[in-house]
Amino acid sequence: MKILALGDVVGERTLPFLKEKLWSKRRELGADLVIANGENVCDIHGLSPRCAEVLLSAGVDFITSGNHIFDRRDAHDFLNDAPSVIRPCNYPAACPGEGSRIITSAEGWRVLVVNVAGSVFMEALGDPFRAVEFELDRHRRGYDLAVLDIHAEATSEKLALARYFDGRFAAIFGTHTHVQTADEQILPNGTGYITDVGMTGPTESILGVTPENVIEKIRTHMPRRFTVAEGPITANGVLFDIDPVTAKTKAVRRIIF
């Protein structure tokens, strides 16, 4: 079974690119499921119901998110009802949405997708280790294999979570930094891993943002409205080749298109 994880999708102008490219790419790769982080789709901050629907129609099967998922109020009710969109599981239980859900592949494999936010250099949320443990226990014996999106800033925290849960997830990938790392690997107990899957968005940018916006912000420390950069778009992803019987990864490959 092959699962393609796409890095943070940045900006609404990236959606037509995915509609044009993604279906053919997933056929080429033989991807059974596509998971994308969608918290930056609505021009950097948040995910609207309309943008989520476009992303799902473009060839994405499941959407994870992160610290910007509640930036748009129109997403709040949507998160409660959308079966293929989740928010980090270590937000308080009273927040809209869920931190994990199960999706069934075309072959009938039940895949548990869990989303967690980091606590280092990020908003002070609940303990990510305990929150992920809770989601695994909540769905115990209800799935065939599990995948984890760690939306976090610190490489050390992502690695610590991956090592701690090695063998309990078929695949673990990091999001949030928008820069694809070169440390794809299979951990000792069979979990496929990469620290950050990268970004799907404008290439000639600073993390998807118009460079001048970021330069001015850093140089002056004054408030500055960020806009999505123009120019060509590139998708960053990671393909996990998983044995669905053992729930262990056989191969991990970085994908750029």
Protein backbone atom coordinates (compact mmCIF):
# COMPACT_ATOMS: atom_id res chain seq x y z
CA MET A 1 0.00 0.00 0.00
CA LYS A 2 1.38 3.42 -0.96
CA ILE A 3 0.53 6.66 0.84
CA LEU A 4 1.57 10.04 -0.57
CA ALA A 5 1.91 12.82 2.02
CA LEU A 6 1.95 16.37 0.61
CA GLY A 7 3.53 19.27 2.46
CA ASP A 8 1.69 22.40 3.56
CA VAL A 9 -0.48 23.64 0.70
CA VAL A 10 -0.02 27.43 0.55
CA GLY A 11 -2.48 29.77 -1.11
CA GLU A 12 -5.63 29.41 -3.17
CA ARG A 13 -3.61 29.88 -6.36
CA THR A 14 -2.02 26.50 -5.64
CA LEU A 15 -5.36 24.70 -5.97
CA PRO A 16 -5.57 24.89 -9.81
CA PHE A 17 -2.02 23.48 -9.95
CA LEU A 18 -3.07 20.48 -7.89
CA LYS A 19 -6.26 19.99 -9.90
CA GLU A 20 -4.13 19.84 -13.04
CA LYS A 21 -1.24 17.71 -11.72
CA LEU A 22 -2.22 15.58 -8.75
CA TRP A 23 -4.47 12.90 -10.27
CA SER A 24 -1.89 12.00 -12.91
CA LYS A 25 0.93 12.06 -10.35
CA ARG A 26 -0.86 9.73 -7.94
CA ARG A 27 -1.54 7.32 -10.82
CA GLU A 28 2.12 7.47 -11.84
CA LEU A 29 3.24 6.75 -8.27
CA GLY A 30 0.54 4.18 -7.61
CA ALA A 31 -0.60 6.09 -4.51
CA ASP A 32 -3.59 4.47 -2.81
CA LEU A 33 -4.14 7.44 -0.46
CA VAL A 34 -3.09 11.08 -0.56
CA ILE A 35 -2.86 13.09 2.66
CA ALA A 36 -2.16 16.84 2.55
CA ASN A 37 -1.67 19.47 5.22
CA GLY A 38 -4.18 22.22 4.39
CA GLU A 39 -3.93 24.81 7.15
CA ASN A 40 -2.44 27.47 4.83
CA VAL A 41 -4.67 27.03 1.79
CA CYS A 42 -6.75 30.18 2.26
CA ASP A 43 -3.96 32.57 1.40
CA ILE A 44 -1.63 31.58 4.23
CA HIS A 45 -3.99 31.46 7.23
CA GLY A 46 -6.72 28.89 7.62
CA LEU A 47 -8.90 26.52 5.64
CA SER A 48 -12.40 27.37 4.41
CA PRO A 49 -15.05 24.76 3.57
CA ARG A 50 -14.85 25.80 -0.09
CA CYS A 51 -11.06 25.44 -0.25
CA ALA A 52 -11.26 22.08 1.50
CA GLU A 53 -13.79 20.84 -1.06
CA VAL A 54 -11.56 21.96 -3.95
CA LEU A 55 -8.53 20.27 -2.38
CA LEU A 56 -10.44 17.02 -1.90
CA SER A 57 -11.72 17.10 -5.49
CA ALA A 58 -8.17 17.69 -6.77
CA GLY A 59 -7.03 14.23 -5.68
CA VAL A 60 -6.42 14.61 -1.93
CA ASP A 61 -8.22 12.01 0.20
CA PHE A 62 -7.55 13.44 3.66
CA ILE A 63 -6.56 16.85 5.07
CA THR A 64 -4.48 17.43 8.20
CA SER A 65 -3.79 20.87 9.65
CA GLY A 66 -1.97 22.84 12.33
CA ASN A 67 -1.83 26.04 14.35
CA HIS A 68 -3.77 28.14 11.78
CA ILE A 69 -6.74 25.82 11.44
CA PHE A 70 -9.04 28.02 13.56
CA ASP A 71 -8.05 31.33 11.90
CA ARG A 72 -11.26 31.34 9.83
CA ARG A 73 -14.57 31.21 11.68
CA ASP A 74 -16.33 29.56 8.75
CA ALA A 75 -14.19 26.47 9.35
CA HIS A 76 -15.44 25.86 12.88
CA ASP A 77 -18.75 24.13 12.12
CA PHE A 78 -17.21 22.54 9.06
CA LEU A 79 -14.55 20.82 11.18
CA ASN A 80 -17.21 19.11 13.27
CA ASP A 81 -18.88 17.59 10.23
CA ALA A 82 -16.07 16.96 7.71
CA PRO A 83 -15.09 13.28 7.77
CA SER A 84 -11.78 13.88 5.97
CA VAL A 85 -10.41 16.95 7.80
CA ILE A 86 -8.79 16.95 11.25
CA ARG A 87 -7.06 19.42 13.58
CA PRO A 88 -4.18 18.73 16.01
CA CYS A 89 -5.31 16.33 18.72
CA ASN A 90 -3.68 18.28 21.56
CA TYR A 91 -6.06 21.23 21.29
CA PRO A 92 -8.64 21.23 24.11
CA ALA A 93 -11.53 18.82 23.60
CA ALA A 94 -13.97 21.75 23.46
CA CYS A 95 -12.40 22.98 20.20
CA PRO A 96 -14.20 22.19 16.93
CA GLY A 97 -13.23 19.05 15.06
CA GLU A 98 -11.29 15.93 15.98
CA GLY A 99 -7.60 15.08 16.23
CA SER A 100 -7.88 11.80 14.37
CA ARG A 101 -10.19 9.95 12.02
CA ILE A 102 -10.19 6.69 10.11
CA ILE A 103 -10.31 6.60 6.32
CA THR A 104 -10.84 3.41 4.32
CA SER A 105 -8.75 2.90 1.20
CA ALA A 106 -10.16 1.55 -2.06
CA GLU A 107 -8.71 -1.85 -1.12
CA GLY A 108 -10.58 -1.79 2.18
CA TRP A 109 -7.65 -1.03 4.49
CA ARG A 110 -8.64 1.11 7.48
CA VAL A 111 -6.08 3.88 7.95
CA LEU A 112 -6.06 5.92 11.16
CA VAL A 113 -4.75 9.45 10.52
CA VAL A 114 -3.61 11.38 13.60
CA ASN A 115 -2.57 15.04 13.69
CA VAL A 116 -0.60 16.63 16.56
CA ALA A 117 1.00 20.05 17.11
CA GLY A 118 4.40 20.57 18.67
CA SER A 119 4.92 22.34 21.98
CA VAL A 120 8.47 23.68 21.42
CA PHE A 121 8.55 27.24 19.98
CA MET A 122 4.80 26.84 19.34
CA GLU A 123 1.54 27.68 21.11
CA ALA A 124 1.33 26.10 24.56
CA LEU A 125 -1.02 23.21 23.85
CA GLY A 126 -1.42 19.86 25.60
CA ASP A 127 1.36 17.30 25.88
CA PRO A 128 1.72 15.90 22.34
CA PHE A 129 2.92 12.49 23.59
CA ARG A 130 -0.09 12.02 25.83
CA ALA A 131 -2.49 13.35 23.20
CA VAL A 132 -1.27 10.91 20.54
CA GLU A 133 -1.43 8.03 23.03
CA PHE A 134 -5.04 8.96 23.71
CA GLU A 135 -5.95 8.84 20.00
CA LEU A 136 -4.31 5.44 19.55
CA ASP A 137 -6.16 4.08 22.57
CA ARG A 138 -9.45 5.65 21.43
CA HIS A 139 -9.33 3.76 18.14
CA ARG A 140 -7.75 0.57 19.45
CA ARG A 141 -8.51 -2.45 17.21
CA GLY A 142 -10.48 -0.21 14.87
CA TYR A 143 -7.81 0.25 12.19
CA ASP A 144 -5.23 -1.68 10.17
CA LEU A 145 -2.43 0.90 10.14
CA ALA A 146 -1.83 4.43 11.38
CA VAL A 147 -0.22 7.61 10.03
CA LEU A 148 0.88 10.66 12.07
CA ASP A 149 1.35 14.28 10.95
CA ILE A 150 3.50 16.18 13.46
CA HIS A 151 2.94 19.90 12.86
CA ALA A 152 5.90 21.33 14.75
CA GLU A 153 8.78 23.79 14.61
CA ALA A 154 11.57 21.91 16.40
CA THR A 155 13.34 19.07 14.62
CA SER A 156 14.27 17.54 17.97
CA GLU A 157 10.63 17.35 19.06
CA LYS A 158 9.56 15.70 15.81
CA LEU A 159 12.34 13.13 16.12
CA ALA A 160 11.52 12.50 19.79
CA LEU A 161 7.87 11.82 18.96
CA ALA A 162 8.84 9.61 16.02
CA ARG A 163 11.26 7.54 18.09
CA TYR A 164 8.76 7.24 20.93
CA PHE A 165 5.99 5.97 18.62
CA ASP A 166 8.25 3.95 16.31
CA GLY A 167 6.46 0.72 15.44
CA ARG A 168 3.02 1.99 16.40
CA PHE A 169 2.60 4.05 13.23
CA ALA A 170 3.29 2.85 9.73
CA ALA A 171 4.38 6.36 8.73
CA ILE A 172 5.21 9.61 10.53
CA PHE A 173 5.87 12.87 8.71
CA GLY A 174 6.51 16.42 9.88
CA THR A 175 4.91 19.60 8.58
CA HIS A 176 4.97 23.34 9.42
CA THR A 177 8.47 24.50 8.41
CA HIS A 178 7.65 24.42 4.66
CA VAL A 179 11.17 23.14 3.85
CA GLN A 180 11.61 19.53 2.78
CA THR A 181 14.28 17.72 4.79
CA ALA A 182 16.66 15.07 3.47
CA ASP A 183 16.37 12.61 6.37
CA GLU A 184 13.76 10.19 5.02
CA GLN A 185 14.33 6.84 6.73
CA ILE A 186 12.80 3.71 8.18
CA LEU A 187 13.10 3.69 11.97
CA PRO A 188 14.26 0.53 13.81
CA ASN A 189 10.73 -0.78 14.46
CA GLY A 190 9.49 -0.23 10.91
CA THR A 191 8.01 3.28 10.92
CA GLY A 192 8.68 5.37 7.81
CA TYR A 193 9.75 8.89 8.77
CA ILE A 194 10.77 12.33 7.49
CA THR A 195 11.22 15.45 9.64
CA ASP A 196 9.41 17.76 7.23
CA VAL A 197 7.64 16.88 4.02
CA GLY A 198 8.04 20.43 2.66
CA MET A 199 5.64 22.84 0.95
CA THR A 200 3.24 22.78 -1.96
CA GLY A 201 3.13 26.35 -3.18
CA PRO A 202 5.00 29.18 -4.90
CA THR A 203 8.69 28.35 -5.41
CA GLU A 204 9.95 31.94 -5.73
CA SER A 205 8.95 32.88 -2.20
CA ILE A 206 9.87 32.76 1.47
CA LEU A 207 7.84 29.81 2.73
CA GLY A 208 5.14 30.67 0.20
CA VAL A 209 5.02 34.37 1.08
CA THR A 210 6.04 37.30 -1.16
CA PRO A 211 9.73 37.82 -0.25
CA GLU A 212 9.46 41.59 0.21
CA ASN A 213 6.76 41.11 2.88
CA VAL A 214 9.00 38.89 4.99
CA ILE A 215 12.16 40.95 4.49
CA GLU A 216 10.38 44.14 5.59
CA LYS A 217 8.89 42.38 8.62
CA ILE A 218 12.25 41.01 9.75
CA ARG A 219 14.15 44.25 9.12
CA THR A 220 11.66 46.67 10.71
CA HIS A 221 9.77 44.50 13.24
CA MET A 222 6.65 46.37 12.16
CA PRO A 223 3.33 44.68 11.35
CA ARG A 224 3.14 43.66 7.72
CA ARG A 225 0.39 41.90 5.81
CA PHE A 226 1.69 38.74 4.20
CA THR A 227 0.54 37.83 0.69
CA VAL A 228 1.01 34.62 -1.26
CA ALA A 229 3.88 34.91 -3.74
CA GLU A 230 3.40 34.86 -7.50
CA GLY A 231 5.34 32.68 -9.93
CA PRO A 232 5.70 28.94 -10.53
CA ILE A 233 4.38 26.36 -8.10
CA THR A 234 6.06 23.17 -6.89
CA ALA A 235 4.66 20.31 -4.83
CA ASN A 236 6.75 18.59 -2.15
CA GLY A 237 5.71 15.18 -0.93
CA VAL A 238 6.86 11.87 0.48
CA LEU A 239 5.76 8.45 -0.74
CA PHE A 240 5.53 5.71 1.89
CA ASP A 241 5.42 2.13 0.58
CA ILE A 242 3.76 0.17 3.39
CA ASP A 243 3.11 -3.51 3.95
CA PRO A 244 -0.53 -3.42 5.11
CA VAL A 245 -0.24 -6.84 6.75
CA THR A 246 2.68 -5.95 9.04
CA ALA A 247 1.86 -2.19 9.09
CA LYS A 248 5.56 -1.47 8.53
CA THR A 249 7.10 0.74 5.87
CA LYS A 250 9.19 -0.93 3.19
CA ALA A 251 10.47 2.21 1.47
CA VAL A 252 10.34 6.02 1.80
CA ARG A 253 10.91 8.36 -1.13
CA ARG A 254 10.83 12.14 -1.39
CA ILE A 255 8.66 13.43 -4.24
CA ILE A 256 8.88 16.81 -5.99
CA PHE A 257 6.69 17.78 -8.94
